[in-house]
Amino acid sequence: MFKLIQDGEKTLDQRKRQEDGVRAVVQYCQNEIDCRRVQVLGYFGQVFDRKDCGKQCNNCLDNAGSTETDMSEMAAHAIRLVKDLSRDTNVTKIHCLNVFRGANLKAIRDKGHDRVTLFGAGSSLTREQCERLFDRLLSLEGLRQVPVTHISGWNALYMQVCLPVL
């Protein structure tokens, strides 16, 4: 979708608005925690208290026992890891997730990514938590995926850092 938006003849503001719309839809679809009514009404600038949902949406019904966790430190590690990995080579989201989780895979060892400082930084998280973290960083534009068409004609999405890392 982002490639189609970028390739079209639109102003910078139109592209930004359309990209923000795609991110909002993706975030809504992937969010299995927050009340659906809070999300939808918040998108339109209205405030809705989750307690008023009465467990009528799938997220409130399924996640009554969920807890909120500060993932700031993990997010900083994930961004730093992507910056370090993408410095010398193109890396996919799956590769970054596997390095972040400390997976013992041949592809990681062959690239020497098992020796980077933040290898396994997210090993205390489940795969789903890591995916949610990376997806959230993508939706907040801390990370981005850049489409590249290879000589053979196939496309790949490679991770890059959007925010300056201090």
Protein backbone atom coordinates (compact mmCIF):
# COMPACT_ATOMS: atom_id res chain seq x y z
CA MET A 1 0.00 0.00 0.00
CA PHE A 2 2.79 2.42 0.89
CA LYS A 3 4.51 1.82 -2.43
CA LEU A 4 1.25 2.51 -4.29
CA ILE A 5 0.77 5.70 -2.29
CA GLN A 6 4.34 6.84 -2.98
CA ASP A 7 4.16 6.02 -6.69
CA GLY A 8 0.92 7.96 -7.25
CA GLU A 9 0.78 11.60 -8.24
CA LYS A 10 -0.16 13.26 -4.96
CA THR A 11 1.07 16.14 -2.89
CA LEU A 12 3.25 15.42 0.13
CA ASP A 13 0.30 16.17 2.43
CA GLN A 14 -1.97 13.77 0.53
CA ARG A 15 0.63 11.00 0.75
CA LYS A 16 1.14 11.59 4.47
CA ARG A 17 -2.62 11.51 5.12
CA GLN A 18 -3.06 8.28 3.13
CA GLU A 19 -0.07 6.62 4.84
CA ASP A 20 -1.45 7.64 8.24
CA GLY A 21 -4.78 6.10 7.27
CA VAL A 22 -3.12 2.80 6.30
CA ARG A 23 -1.18 2.76 9.59
CA ALA A 24 -4.39 3.38 11.55
CA VAL A 25 -6.16 0.46 9.84
CA VAL A 26 -3.20 -1.87 10.39
CA GLN A 27 -2.90 -0.83 14.03
CA TYR A 28 -6.63 -1.40 14.57
CA CYS A 29 -6.48 -4.85 12.97
CA GLN A 30 -3.43 -5.91 14.97
CA ASN A 31 -4.55 -4.51 18.30
CA GLU A 32 -5.92 -7.39 20.32
CA ILE A 33 -5.82 -5.55 23.65
CA ASP A 34 -7.54 -2.15 23.53
CA CYS A 35 -11.32 -1.79 23.44
CA ARG A 36 -12.57 -1.58 19.84
CA ARG A 37 -15.01 1.21 20.70
CA VAL A 38 -12.24 3.26 22.33
CA GLN A 39 -10.14 2.79 19.19
CA VAL A 40 -12.83 3.64 16.65
CA LEU A 41 -14.27 6.61 18.52
CA GLY A 42 -10.77 7.86 19.35
CA TYR A 43 -9.96 7.85 15.64
CA PHE A 44 -12.87 10.27 15.14
CA GLY A 45 -11.80 12.42 18.10
CA GLN A 46 -14.39 11.16 20.56
CA VAL A 47 -13.65 9.87 24.05
CA PHE A 48 -15.14 6.59 25.21
CA ASP A 49 -14.52 4.91 28.56
CA ARG A 50 -13.63 1.22 28.20
CA LYS A 51 -15.80 0.43 31.23
CA ASP A 52 -18.87 1.50 29.23
CA CYS A 53 -18.20 -1.18 26.62
CA GLY A 54 -19.64 -3.83 28.91
CA LYS A 55 -17.41 -6.47 27.26
CA GLN A 56 -19.36 -6.14 24.02
CA CYS A 57 -16.32 -6.02 21.73
CA ASN A 58 -13.99 -8.95 21.07
CA ASN A 59 -11.00 -7.34 22.79
CA CYS A 60 -12.81 -6.52 26.02
CA LEU A 61 -14.40 -9.96 26.02
CA ASP A 62 -11.15 -11.84 25.34
CA ASN A 63 -8.70 -9.77 27.37
CA ALA A 64 -10.47 -9.03 30.61
CA GLY A 65 -7.35 -10.11 32.51
CA SER A 66 -4.69 -8.27 30.48
CA THR A 67 -2.15 -6.04 32.17
CA GLU A 68 -0.36 -2.93 30.95
CA THR A 69 3.43 -3.12 30.74
CA ASP A 70 5.94 -0.35 30.06
CA MET A 71 7.86 -1.48 26.97
CA SER A 72 9.96 1.70 26.57
CA GLU A 73 13.27 -0.01 27.28
CA MET A 74 12.47 -2.92 24.95
CA ALA A 75 11.38 -0.45 22.25
CA ALA A 76 14.69 1.41 22.56
CA HIS A 77 16.57 -1.91 22.29
CA ALA A 78 14.55 -2.93 19.21
CA ILE A 79 15.24 0.38 17.45
CA ARG A 80 18.96 0.23 18.30
CA LEU A 81 19.11 -3.39 17.08
CA VAL A 82 17.51 -2.52 13.73
CA LYS A 83 19.92 0.39 13.37
CA ASP A 84 22.91 -1.85 14.07
CA LEU A 85 21.74 -4.69 11.81
CA SER A 86 20.75 -2.47 8.87
CA ARG A 87 24.01 -0.51 8.92
CA ASP A 88 25.83 -2.97 6.62
CA THR A 89 23.10 -5.08 5.06
CA ASN A 90 19.39 -5.23 4.31
CA VAL A 91 17.41 -7.05 6.99
CA THR A 92 13.79 -8.14 7.06
CA LYS A 93 11.39 -7.75 9.96
CA ILE A 94 11.43 -11.52 10.57
CA HIS A 95 15.23 -11.53 10.72
CA CYS A 96 15.23 -8.62 13.18
CA LEU A 97 12.59 -10.37 15.32
CA ASN A 98 14.64 -13.56 15.40
CA VAL A 99 17.84 -11.71 16.38
CA PHE A 100 15.92 -9.72 19.01
CA ARG A 101 14.56 -12.95 20.50
CA GLY A 102 18.00 -14.64 20.38
CA ALA A 103 17.07 -17.40 17.94
CA ASN A 104 19.83 -19.91 17.17
CA LEU A 105 19.39 -19.94 13.39
CA LYS A 106 21.98 -20.56 10.68
CA ALA A 107 21.03 -17.35 8.81
CA ILE A 108 21.73 -15.32 11.96
CA ARG A 109 25.03 -17.07 12.67
CA ASP A 110 26.16 -16.77 9.03
CA LYS A 111 25.73 -12.99 9.17
CA GLY A 112 27.39 -12.76 12.57
CA HIS A 113 24.24 -11.30 14.05
CA ASP A 114 24.47 -13.67 17.00
CA ARG A 115 27.43 -11.55 18.14
CA VAL A 116 25.72 -8.13 18.07
CA THR A 117 25.31 -6.41 21.42
CA LEU A 118 21.51 -6.66 21.50
CA PHE A 119 21.24 -10.27 20.31
CA GLY A 120 18.56 -11.82 22.51
CA ALA A 121 17.52 -8.51 24.11
CA GLY A 122 13.88 -9.56 23.77
CA SER A 123 14.36 -13.16 24.88
CA SER A 124 12.14 -12.59 27.92
CA LEU A 125 9.18 -11.78 25.64
CA THR A 126 6.95 -14.18 23.76
CA ARG A 127 7.05 -14.14 19.97
CA GLU A 128 3.63 -12.43 19.95
CA GLN A 129 4.87 -9.70 22.31
CA CYS A 130 7.92 -9.11 20.11
CA GLU A 131 5.75 -8.92 16.99
CA ARG A 132 3.38 -6.49 18.72
CA LEU A 133 6.35 -4.33 19.78
CA PHE A 134 7.83 -4.21 16.26
CA ASP A 135 4.41 -3.60 14.70
CA ARG A 136 3.77 -0.77 17.17
CA LEU A 137 7.16 0.78 16.34
CA LEU A 138 6.26 0.56 12.65
CA SER A 139 2.88 2.21 13.20
CA LEU A 140 4.46 4.99 15.29
CA GLU A 141 7.12 5.52 12.61
CA GLY A 142 10.04 4.62 14.84
CA LEU A 143 10.80 1.94 12.28
CA ARG A 144 9.81 1.59 8.65
CA GLN A 145 9.86 -1.08 6.00
CA VAL A 146 11.28 -0.02 2.65
CA PRO A 147 10.18 -1.99 -0.43
CA VAL A 148 12.99 -3.03 -2.77
CA THR A 149 12.45 -4.68 -6.15
CA HIS A 150 15.28 -7.06 -6.95
CA ILE A 151 16.73 -7.70 -10.40
CA SER A 152 14.76 -10.93 -10.69
CA GLY A 153 11.53 -8.93 -10.19
CA TRP A 154 10.56 -10.03 -6.68
CA ASN A 155 9.97 -7.55 -3.90
CA ALA A 156 11.27 -7.54 -0.35
CA LEU A 157 10.60 -5.26 2.62
CA TYR A 158 13.68 -4.18 4.54
CA MET A 159 13.74 -2.58 7.97
CA GLN A 160 15.12 0.89 8.66
CA VAL A 161 15.11 3.25 11.61
CA CYS A 162 13.10 6.46 11.23
CA LEU A 163 13.93 8.17 14.52
CA PRO A 164 17.39 9.41 15.47
CA VAL A 165 18.87 6.99 17.96
CA LEU A 166 20.80 8.64 20.76
